Amino acid sequence: MDEIKRLKRVNYLALAVVVAFAAACVLGALALRERHRFSREKWLQDPENRTRIVDDLLAHYELVGMTGEEVLALLGDHDNEAGYFQQEERLDYWLGPERGLMRIDSEWLILDFADEVVTGWFITTD
């Protein structure tokens, strides 16, 4: 009888550990998802971490076809003081250090325009 009670306690303890681990994983995933969700405020206030949110931006906003005014309302002024990638009919946004282990270069979101409308975009490094 005592052996059965002990085994039940062990089983309940093991179940509690598994449930706690699963709950921690779910909460961690939700926190990570929120950390990587685009918002204009995050974009403007934390430019060094734009690489975290640019994928969500591109997934939820159709940049091609937006006017220059719409892009500026969403992303603010472009910020390329170094002069990389500057051309007529182009906006470039610094995304922060490149993703990955070797963070040597910076990543950039480049928007190409024709007649004040976005015709294409790409992400590159300098």
C-alpha atoms as a PDB file:
ATOM      1  CA  MET A   1       0.000   0.000   0.000  1.00  0.00           C
ATOM      2  CA  ASP A   2       2.757   2.448   0.896  1.00  0.00           C
ATOM      3  CA  GLU A   3       4.516   1.542  -2.327  1.00  0.00           C
ATOM      4  CA  ILE A   4       1.413   2.465  -4.375  1.00  0.00           C
ATOM      5  CA  LYS A   5       1.089   5.835  -2.578  1.00  0.00           C
ATOM      6  CA  ARG A   6       4.772   6.566  -3.210  1.00  0.00           C
ATOM      7  CA  LEU A   7       4.436   5.706  -6.912  1.00  0.00           C
ATOM      8  CA  LYS A   8       1.351   7.934  -7.204  1.00  0.00           C
ATOM      9  CA  ARG A   9       3.258  10.839  -5.635  1.00  0.00           C
ATOM     10  CA  VAL A  10       6.138  10.286  -8.052  1.00  0.00           C
ATOM     11  CA  ASN A  11       3.711  10.220 -10.988  1.00  0.00           C
ATOM     12  CA  TYR A  12       1.994  13.420  -9.824  1.00  0.00           C
ATOM     13  CA  LEU A  13       5.352  15.101  -9.370  1.00  0.00           C
ATOM     14  CA  ALA A  14       6.493  14.019 -12.836  1.00  0.00           C
ATOM     15  CA  LEU A  15       3.220  15.275 -14.340  1.00  0.00           C
ATOM     16  CA  ALA A  16       3.611  18.615 -12.540  1.00  0.00           C
ATOM     17  CA  VAL A  17       7.146  18.989 -13.911  1.00  0.00           C
ATOM     18  CA  VAL A  18       5.974  18.228 -17.465  1.00  0.00           C
ATOM     19  CA  VAL A  19       3.050  20.676 -17.201  1.00  0.00           C
ATOM     20  CA  ALA A  20       5.291  23.407 -15.766  1.00  0.00           C
ATOM     21  CA  PHE A  21       7.833  22.865 -18.567  1.00  0.00           C
ATOM     22  CA  ALA A  22       5.108  22.994 -21.241  1.00  0.00           C
ATOM     23  CA  ALA A  23       3.672  26.187 -19.726  1.00  0.00           C
ATOM     24  CA  ALA A  24       7.133  27.774 -19.647  1.00  0.00           C
ATOM     25  CA  CYS A  25       7.654  26.863 -23.318  1.00  0.00           C
ATOM     26  CA  VAL A  26       4.310  28.372 -24.333  1.00  0.00           C
ATOM     27  CA  LEU A  27       4.940  31.576 -22.365  1.00  0.00           C
ATOM     28  CA  GLY A  28       8.446  31.831 -23.807  1.00  0.00           C
ATOM     29  CA  ALA A  29       7.145  31.387 -27.349  1.00  0.00           C
ATOM     30  CA  LEU A  30       4.491  34.072 -26.808  1.00  0.00           C
ATOM     31  CA  ALA A  31       7.088  36.484 -25.407  1.00  0.00           C
ATOM     32  CA  LEU A  32       9.427  35.798 -28.333  1.00  0.00           C
ATOM     33  CA  ARG A  33       6.593  36.296 -30.815  1.00  0.00           C
ATOM     34  CA  GLU A  34       5.721  39.648 -29.242  1.00  0.00           C
ATOM     35  CA  ARG A  35       9.379  40.677 -29.276  1.00  0.00           C
ATOM     36  CA  HIS A  36       9.472  40.058 -33.035  1.00  0.00           C
ATOM     37  CA  ARG A  37       6.150  41.770 -33.852  1.00  0.00           C
ATOM     38  CA  PHE A  38       6.402  44.978 -35.911  1.00  0.00           C
ATOM     39  CA  SER A  39       5.073  48.240 -34.580  1.00  0.00           C
ATOM     40  CA  ARG A  40       5.895  51.757 -35.685  1.00  0.00           C
ATOM     41  CA  GLU A  41       6.937  52.613 -32.133  1.00  0.00           C
ATOM     42  CA  LYS A  42       9.455  49.740 -31.958  1.00  0.00           C
ATOM     43  CA  TRP A  43      10.758  50.658 -35.416  1.00  0.00           C
ATOM     44  CA  LEU A  44      11.370  54.272 -34.478  1.00  0.00           C
ATOM     45  CA  GLN A  45      12.502  53.857 -30.865  1.00  0.00           C
ATOM     46  CA  ASP A  46      14.852  50.867 -31.267  1.00  0.00           C
ATOM     47  CA  PRO A  47      16.520  51.084 -34.690  1.00  0.00           C
ATOM     48  CA  GLU A  48      19.390  48.823 -33.647  1.00  0.00           C
ATOM     49  CA  ASN A  49      16.965  45.909 -33.322  1.00  0.00           C
ATOM     50  CA  ARG A  50      14.949  46.357 -36.498  1.00  0.00           C
ATOM     51  CA  THR A  51      16.282  43.032 -37.775  1.00  0.00           C
ATOM     52  CA  ARG A  52      14.009  41.409 -35.181  1.00  0.00           C
ATOM     53  CA  ILE A  53      10.840  43.003 -36.553  1.00  0.00           C
ATOM     54  CA  VAL A  54      11.499  43.530 -40.266  1.00  0.00           C
ATOM     55  CA  ASP A  55      10.214  40.058 -41.200  1.00  0.00           C
ATOM     56  CA  ASP A  56       6.906  40.768 -39.463  1.00  0.00           C
ATOM     57  CA  LEU A  57       6.739  44.140 -41.232  1.00  0.00           C
ATOM     58  CA  LEU A  58       7.202  42.478 -44.616  1.00  0.00           C
ATOM     59  CA  ALA A  59       4.685  39.742 -43.789  1.00  0.00           C
ATOM     60  CA  HIS A  60       1.919  42.151 -42.745  1.00  0.00           C
ATOM     61  CA  TYR A  61       2.434  45.203 -44.966  1.00  0.00           C
ATOM     62  CA  GLU A  62       2.440  45.179 -48.752  1.00  0.00           C
ATOM     63  CA  LEU A  63       5.169  47.736 -49.373  1.00  0.00           C
ATOM     64  CA  VAL A  64       5.042  47.419 -53.152  1.00  0.00           C
ATOM     65  CA  GLY A  65       2.377  49.840 -54.303  1.00  0.00           C
ATOM     66  CA  MET A  66       2.640  52.143 -51.284  1.00  0.00           C
ATOM     67  CA  THR A  67       3.242  55.808 -51.949  1.00  0.00           C
ATOM     68  CA  GLY A  68       6.243  57.607 -50.530  1.00  0.00           C
ATOM     69  CA  GLU A  69       3.971  59.396 -48.066  1.00  0.00           C
ATOM     70  CA  GLU A  70       2.533  56.082 -46.843  1.00  0.00           C
ATOM     71  CA  VAL A  71       6.030  54.648 -46.362  1.00  0.00           C
ATOM     72  CA  LEU A  72       7.166  57.725 -44.434  1.00  0.00           C
ATOM     73  CA  ALA A  73       4.034  57.562 -42.268  1.00  0.00           C
ATOM     74  CA  LEU A  74       4.775  53.908 -41.486  1.00  0.00           C
ATOM     75  CA  LEU A  75       8.584  53.878 -41.191  1.00  0.00           C
ATOM     76  CA  GLY A  76       9.576  57.498 -40.714  1.00  0.00           C
ATOM     77  CA  ASP A  77      12.419  59.224 -42.521  1.00  0.00           C
ATOM     78  CA  HIS A  78      15.096  57.016 -43.962  1.00  0.00           C
ATOM     79  CA  ASP A  79      18.306  57.102 -41.996  1.00  0.00           C
ATOM     80  CA  ASN A  80      21.336  56.611 -44.189  1.00  0.00           C
ATOM     81  CA  GLU A  81      23.922  59.141 -43.089  1.00  0.00           C
ATOM     82  CA  ALA A  82      26.765  56.931 -44.339  1.00  0.00           C
ATOM     83  CA  GLY A  83      25.474  57.208 -47.901  1.00  0.00           C
ATOM     84  CA  TYR A  84      25.257  53.490 -48.686  1.00  0.00           C
ATOM     85  CA  PHE A  85      22.874  52.475 -51.469  1.00  0.00           C
ATOM     86  CA  GLN A  86      21.679  56.036 -52.106  1.00  0.00           C
ATOM     87  CA  GLN A  87      20.136  56.562 -55.521  1.00  0.00           C
ATOM     88  CA  GLU A  88      17.356  58.577 -57.030  1.00  0.00           C
ATOM     89  CA  GLU A  89      13.940  57.085 -56.302  1.00  0.00           C
ATOM     90  CA  ARG A  90      15.183  55.021 -53.333  1.00  0.00           C
ATOM     91  CA  LEU A  91      14.742  54.973 -49.560  1.00  0.00           C
ATOM     92  CA  ASP A  92      17.030  52.938 -47.345  1.00  0.00           C
ATOM     93  CA  TYR A  93      16.497  51.985 -43.723  1.00  0.00           C
ATOM     94  CA  TRP A  94      19.202  50.679 -41.410  1.00  0.00           C
ATOM     95  CA  LEU A  95      18.043  47.491 -39.677  1.00  0.00           C
ATOM     96  CA  GLY A  96      20.949  47.021 -37.281  1.00  0.00           C
ATOM     97  CA  PRO A  97      23.811  44.542 -37.147  1.00  0.00           C
ATOM     98  CA  GLU A  98      23.347  41.608 -39.504  1.00  0.00           C
ATOM     99  CA  ARG A  99      21.729  38.466 -38.157  1.00  0.00           C
ATOM    100  CA  GLY A 100      23.810  35.436 -37.354  1.00  0.00           C
ATOM    101  CA  LEU A 101      26.955  34.634 -35.436  1.00  0.00           C
ATOM    102  CA  MET A 102      29.352  36.829 -37.425  1.00  0.00           C
ATOM    103  CA  ARG A 103      27.715  40.251 -36.987  1.00  0.00           C
ATOM    104  CA  ILE A 104      30.306  42.212 -38.945  1.00  0.00           C
ATOM    105  CA  ASP A 105      28.112  44.176 -41.353  1.00  0.00           C
ATOM    106  CA  SER A 106      24.810  45.996 -41.073  1.00  0.00           C
ATOM    107  CA  GLU A 107      21.525  44.985 -42.679  1.00  0.00           C
ATOM    108  CA  TRP A 108      19.495  47.444 -44.729  1.00  0.00           C
ATOM    109  CA  LEU A 109      15.956  47.526 -46.078  1.00  0.00           C
ATOM    110  CA  ILE A 110      16.031  49.145 -49.520  1.00  0.00           C
ATOM    111  CA  LEU A 111      12.842  50.456 -51.140  1.00  0.00           C
ATOM    112  CA  ASP A 112      12.885  51.347 -54.833  1.00  0.00           C
ATOM    113  CA  PHE A 113      10.365  53.833 -56.229  1.00  0.00           C
ATOM    114  CA  ALA A 114       9.012  54.905 -59.575  1.00  0.00           C
ATOM    115  CA  ASP A 115       6.623  57.870 -59.788  1.00  0.00           C
ATOM    116  CA  GLU A 116       6.455  58.094 -55.951  1.00  0.00           C
ATOM    117  CA  VAL A 117       5.245  54.469 -55.623  1.00  0.00           C
ATOM    118  CA  VAL A 118       7.263  51.544 -54.224  1.00  0.00           C
ATOM    119  CA  THR A 119       8.104  49.172 -57.063  1.00  0.00           C
ATOM    120  CA  GLY A 120      10.268  46.745 -55.109  1.00  0.00           C
ATOM    121  CA  TRP A 121      12.267  46.121 -51.970  1.00  0.00           C
ATOM    122  CA  PHE A 122      15.215  44.029 -50.842  1.00  0.00           C
ATOM    123  CA  ILE A 123      17.305  43.439 -47.748  1.00  0.00           C
ATOM    124  CA  THR A 124      21.069  43.602 -48.079  1.00  0.00           C
ATOM    125  CA  THR A 125      24.234  44.117 -46.068  1.00  0.00           C
ATOM    126  CA  ASP A 126      26.861  46.835 -46.424  1.00  0.00           C
END
